[in-house]
């Protein structure tokens, strides 16, 4: 397995906060900031994502892998929901054995039910990777493009009037209209500066959050809106 490509390890004394690294992939940023529950490791797009949650706060969480003969420890980070996570390039290996280290104690992954023992009797977590589990790119919204442009898209019934409202247009419900590129597929691309934005779509006057973006919040007025983070 290759070394992690998204973070800079700064030692193993503490968990690095989410703000400590830069994600140049809007979809990945939305993915990791939206994780609220630890679960079995998953392949997502071209990434392998591990998550961990403990009943009490941990100062350090790491993982080592059989593919590296357990010679390296990869440091987890933590998001705003208190979920520790590790992002690695999706490996080509079909079977990976690994173990976690939490505050200096080696253990199996409590969120992965597949446990094996090696020839020395050591308990290890095992992950079997199905190549078909690699999801297609571009399945989420919005999409960060070159030159600080962001593409918003949504599917609905054909011949609808679809608009986009958000912080970037002062929540004007009729300023930004989406084009119907093909029946039921609506899109618009906007230049946006780095920052945090709330937004929603209007389909024939009906406000809806982005169904392809699981990062959402509720405004002070009680309205549900989708959230977009643009790193910068």
Protein backbone atom coordinates (compact mmCIF):
# COMPACT_ATOMS: atom_id res chain seq x y z
CA UNK A 1 0.00 0.00 0.00
CA UNK A 2 1.26 3.44 -0.85
CA UNK A 3 1.71 6.20 1.67
CA UNK A 4 -1.21 8.48 2.39
CA UNK A 5 -1.37 11.29 -0.18
CA UNK A 6 -3.53 13.85 1.56
CA UNK A 7 -1.93 14.56 4.89
CA UNK A 8 1.45 15.41 6.32
CA UNK A 9 2.30 13.35 9.37
CA UNK A 10 3.49 15.63 12.14
CA UNK A 11 4.45 13.00 14.68
CA UNK A 12 2.24 10.71 16.73
CA UNK A 13 1.55 12.64 19.91
CA UNK A 14 -1.88 14.01 19.06
CA UNK A 15 -4.76 13.64 16.66
CA UNK A 16 -4.61 16.22 13.89
CA UNK A 17 -7.80 18.29 13.52
CA UNK A 18 -9.61 18.38 10.21
CA UNK A 19 -8.45 21.95 9.63
CA UNK A 20 -4.83 20.80 9.74
CA UNK A 21 -4.78 19.53 6.20
CA UNK A 22 -5.82 20.77 2.81
CA UNK A 23 -8.22 18.80 0.64
CA UNK A 24 -8.20 19.80 -3.02
CA UNK A 25 -11.22 17.65 -3.79
CA UNK A 26 -14.60 19.14 -2.88
CA UNK A 27 -16.37 15.78 -2.98
CA UNK A 28 -13.82 14.20 -0.67
CA UNK A 29 -14.07 17.15 1.71
CA UNK A 30 -17.85 16.80 1.79
CA UNK A 31 -17.49 13.08 2.35
CA UNK A 32 -15.19 13.28 5.36
CA UNK A 33 -16.86 16.28 7.02
CA UNK A 34 -20.22 14.52 6.75
CA UNK A 35 -19.17 11.27 8.44
CA UNK A 36 -21.06 11.03 11.74
CA UNK A 37 -20.66 7.33 12.52
CA UNK A 38 -17.66 5.01 12.31
CA UNK A 39 -18.14 1.99 10.09
CA UNK A 40 -16.39 -0.77 8.18
CA UNK A 41 -13.58 0.51 5.90
CA UNK A 42 -14.90 1.45 2.48
CA UNK A 43 -13.67 2.10 -1.02
CA UNK A 44 -14.97 5.47 -2.20
CA UNK A 45 -13.95 6.63 -5.66
CA UNK A 46 -10.15 6.21 -5.70
CA UNK A 47 -9.79 6.29 -1.92
CA UNK A 48 -9.79 3.77 0.91
CA UNK A 49 -11.38 5.33 4.01
CA UNK A 50 -11.03 4.02 7.55
CA UNK A 51 -13.07 5.41 10.44
CA UNK A 52 -12.87 4.94 14.19
CA UNK A 53 -14.90 6.06 17.18
CA UNK A 54 -14.16 5.45 20.84
CA UNK A 55 -16.31 5.93 23.93
CA UNK A 56 -13.62 8.18 25.35
CA UNK A 57 -11.42 10.65 23.50
CA UNK A 58 -8.18 9.24 22.18
CA UNK A 59 -4.97 11.22 21.90
CA UNK A 60 -3.71 9.13 19.01
CA UNK A 61 -5.17 6.66 16.51
CA UNK A 62 -3.11 5.00 13.80
CA UNK A 63 -3.09 1.95 11.55
CA UNK A 64 -0.43 -0.36 10.12
CA UNK A 65 -0.81 -2.82 7.26
CA UNK A 66 0.43 -6.22 6.18
CA UNK A 67 1.26 -4.78 2.76
CA UNK A 68 3.94 -2.71 4.48
CA UNK A 69 4.90 -5.54 6.86
CA UNK A 70 3.57 -3.34 9.67
CA UNK A 71 6.64 -1.12 9.42
CA UNK A 72 4.71 2.14 9.06
CA UNK A 73 1.96 3.71 11.13
CA UNK A 74 -0.53 5.93 9.32
CA UNK A 75 -2.03 8.66 11.51
CA UNK A 76 -5.79 9.21 11.70
CA UNK A 77 -7.33 12.66 11.77
CA UNK A 78 -10.60 13.73 13.38
CA UNK A 79 -13.59 15.59 11.94
CA UNK A 80 -16.02 17.93 13.68
CA UNK A 81 -18.25 14.99 14.66
CA UNK A 82 -15.45 13.39 16.64
CA UNK A 83 -14.90 10.62 14.08
CA UNK A 84 -11.30 9.61 13.50
CA UNK A 85 -10.55 8.90 9.86
CA UNK A 86 -7.72 7.82 7.60
CA UNK A 87 -7.67 8.34 3.83
CA UNK A 88 -5.37 6.28 1.61
CA UNK A 89 -5.16 5.66 -2.11
CA UNK A 90 -7.34 2.69 -3.04
CA UNK A 91 -4.93 -0.27 -3.18
CA UNK A 92 -4.70 -2.90 -5.88
CA UNK A 93 -4.36 -5.67 -3.30
CA UNK A 94 -7.45 -7.84 -2.95
CA UNK A 95 -6.85 -8.75 0.70
CA UNK A 96 -5.37 -6.44 3.34
CA UNK A 97 -4.65 -7.34 6.95
CA UNK A 98 -4.21 -4.48 9.37
CA UNK A 99 -4.38 -3.44 12.99
CA UNK A 100 -5.01 -0.20 14.84
CA UNK A 101 -2.98 1.47 17.54
CA UNK A 102 -4.96 3.65 19.95
CA UNK A 103 -2.96 5.58 22.54
CA UNK A 104 -0.16 3.05 22.30
CA UNK A 105 -2.32 -0.07 22.49
CA UNK A 106 -2.56 -2.36 19.46
CA UNK A 107 -6.05 -3.66 18.70
CA UNK A 108 -8.30 -4.93 15.92
CA UNK A 109 -10.74 -2.58 14.20
CA UNK A 110 -13.96 -2.66 16.29
CA UNK A 111 -15.94 -1.51 13.26
CA UNK A 112 -14.77 -4.36 11.01
CA UNK A 113 -16.31 -7.75 11.89
CA UNK A 114 -13.71 -9.74 9.92
CA UNK A 115 -11.00 -10.86 12.35
CA UNK A 116 -8.26 -13.40 11.59
CA UNK A 117 -5.16 -14.77 13.32
CA UNK A 118 -1.77 -14.90 11.69
CA UNK A 119 0.61 -17.85 12.06
CA UNK A 120 1.82 -16.41 15.36
CA UNK A 121 -1.69 -16.17 16.75
CA UNK A 122 -1.86 -12.38 16.44
CA UNK A 123 -5.40 -11.09 15.94
CA UNK A 124 -5.74 -8.89 12.84
CA UNK A 125 -8.55 -7.12 11.02
CA UNK A 126 -8.98 -8.17 7.41
CA UNK A 127 -10.36 -6.20 4.48
CA UNK A 128 -11.24 -7.85 1.18
CA UNK A 129 -11.45 -5.40 -1.70
CA UNK A 130 -13.75 -6.00 -4.61
CA UNK A 131 -12.65 -4.05 -7.69
CA UNK A 132 -16.31 -3.46 -8.52
CA UNK A 133 -16.63 -1.45 -5.29
CA UNK A 134 -14.74 1.46 -6.85
CA UNK A 135 -17.47 4.01 -7.46
CA UNK A 136 -17.55 6.25 -10.49
CA UNK A 137 -16.24 9.78 -10.35
CA UNK A 138 -18.54 12.70 -10.59
CA UNK A 139 -21.43 11.11 -8.70
CA UNK A 140 -21.67 13.87 -6.14
CA UNK A 141 -22.48 17.55 -6.34
CA UNK A 142 -21.08 20.18 -6.48
CA UNK A 143 -17.99 19.59 -8.62
CA UNK A 144 -14.91 21.77 -8.21
CA UNK A 145 -13.46 22.74 -11.57
CA UNK A 146 -10.41 24.69 -12.69
CA UNK A 147 -10.09 28.46 -12.13
CA UNK A 148 -12.19 28.40 -8.93
CA UNK A 149 -15.33 27.43 -10.77
CA UNK A 150 -17.95 25.15 -9.25
CA UNK A 151 -20.50 23.10 -11.17
CA UNK A 152 -23.89 22.46 -9.57
CA UNK A 153 -26.15 19.83 -11.07
CA UNK A 154 -29.39 18.09 -10.19
CA UNK A 155 -31.76 15.62 -11.83
CA UNK A 156 -35.52 16.05 -11.88
CA UNK A 157 -38.39 15.66 -14.29
CA UNK A 158 -37.91 17.21 -17.74
CA UNK A 159 -39.02 20.73 -18.62
CA UNK A 160 -38.82 22.14 -15.11
CA UNK A 161 -37.82 25.64 -14.04
CA UNK A 162 -34.75 25.06 -11.86
CA UNK A 163 -32.87 27.81 -10.00
CA UNK A 164 -30.04 27.94 -7.48
CA UNK A 165 -30.07 30.17 -4.39
CA UNK A 166 -27.27 30.60 -1.87
CA UNK A 167 -24.86 32.88 -0.07
CA UNK A 168 -23.13 33.57 -3.36
CA UNK A 169 -26.20 35.31 -4.87
CA UNK A 170 -27.72 36.72 -1.67
CA UNK A 171 -30.26 33.92 -1.64
CA UNK A 172 -32.05 35.38 -4.64
CA UNK A 173 -34.37 32.54 -5.77
CA UNK A 174 -34.50 33.66 -9.40
CA UNK A 175 -31.05 35.07 -10.16
CA UNK A 176 -29.25 31.84 -11.09
CA UNK A 177 -31.08 29.56 -13.49
CA UNK A 178 -29.86 26.06 -14.37
CA UNK A 179 -29.77 24.87 -17.97
CA UNK A 180 -31.38 21.59 -18.96
CA UNK A 181 -28.53 19.97 -20.88
CA UNK A 182 -30.56 16.84 -21.50
CA UNK A 183 -34.04 15.78 -20.37
CA UNK A 184 -34.11 15.99 -16.58
CA UNK A 185 -30.44 16.95 -16.18
CA UNK A 186 -29.96 20.55 -14.98
CA UNK A 187 -26.64 22.31 -14.45
CA UNK A 188 -24.94 25.65 -13.87
CA UNK A 189 -21.30 26.63 -13.30
CA UNK A 190 -20.33 29.58 -11.09
CA UNK A 191 -17.01 31.24 -10.18
CA UNK A 192 -16.70 31.09 -6.39
CA UNK A 193 -13.96 32.10 -4.00
CA UNK A 194 -12.74 29.73 -1.26
CA UNK A 195 -15.09 29.61 1.71
CA UNK A 196 -18.20 28.03 3.16
CA UNK A 197 -21.50 28.45 1.33
CA UNK A 198 -25.07 27.43 1.97
CA UNK A 199 -27.37 26.80 -0.97
CA UNK A 200 -30.51 25.05 -2.20
CA UNK A 201 -32.32 24.44 -5.47
CA UNK A 202 -35.76 25.63 -6.47
CA UNK A 203 -37.70 23.33 -8.79
CA UNK A 204 -40.84 25.02 -10.05
CA UNK A 205 -40.74 27.22 -6.94
CA UNK A 206 -40.25 24.32 -4.52
CA UNK A 207 -37.07 24.58 -2.42
CA UNK A 208 -35.05 21.34 -2.18
CA UNK A 209 -31.61 20.58 -0.79
CA UNK A 210 -28.99 18.97 -3.01
CA UNK A 211 -29.76 15.21 -3.07
CA UNK A 212 -26.16 14.47 -4.10
CA UNK A 213 -24.61 16.36 -1.18
CA UNK A 214 -25.04 14.81 2.26
CA UNK A 215 -23.51 17.85 4.03
CA UNK A 216 -26.50 19.89 5.22
CA UNK A 217 -27.46 22.29 7.98
CA UNK A 218 -30.49 24.21 9.23
CA UNK A 219 -30.61 27.99 9.16
CA UNK A 220 -31.77 30.19 12.03
CA UNK A 221 -35.08 30.44 10.20
CA UNK A 222 -35.48 26.65 10.33
CA UNK A 223 -34.77 26.05 6.64
CA UNK A 224 -32.70 23.07 5.49
CA UNK A 225 -29.84 23.99 3.16
CA UNK A 226 -26.89 22.16 1.63
CA UNK A 227 -23.35 23.17 2.56
CA UNK A 228 -20.39 23.62 0.22
CA UNK A 229 -16.79 24.04 1.39
CA UNK A 230 -14.25 25.33 -1.09
CA UNK A 231 -10.70 24.91 0.24
CA UNK A 232 -8.27 27.68 -0.33
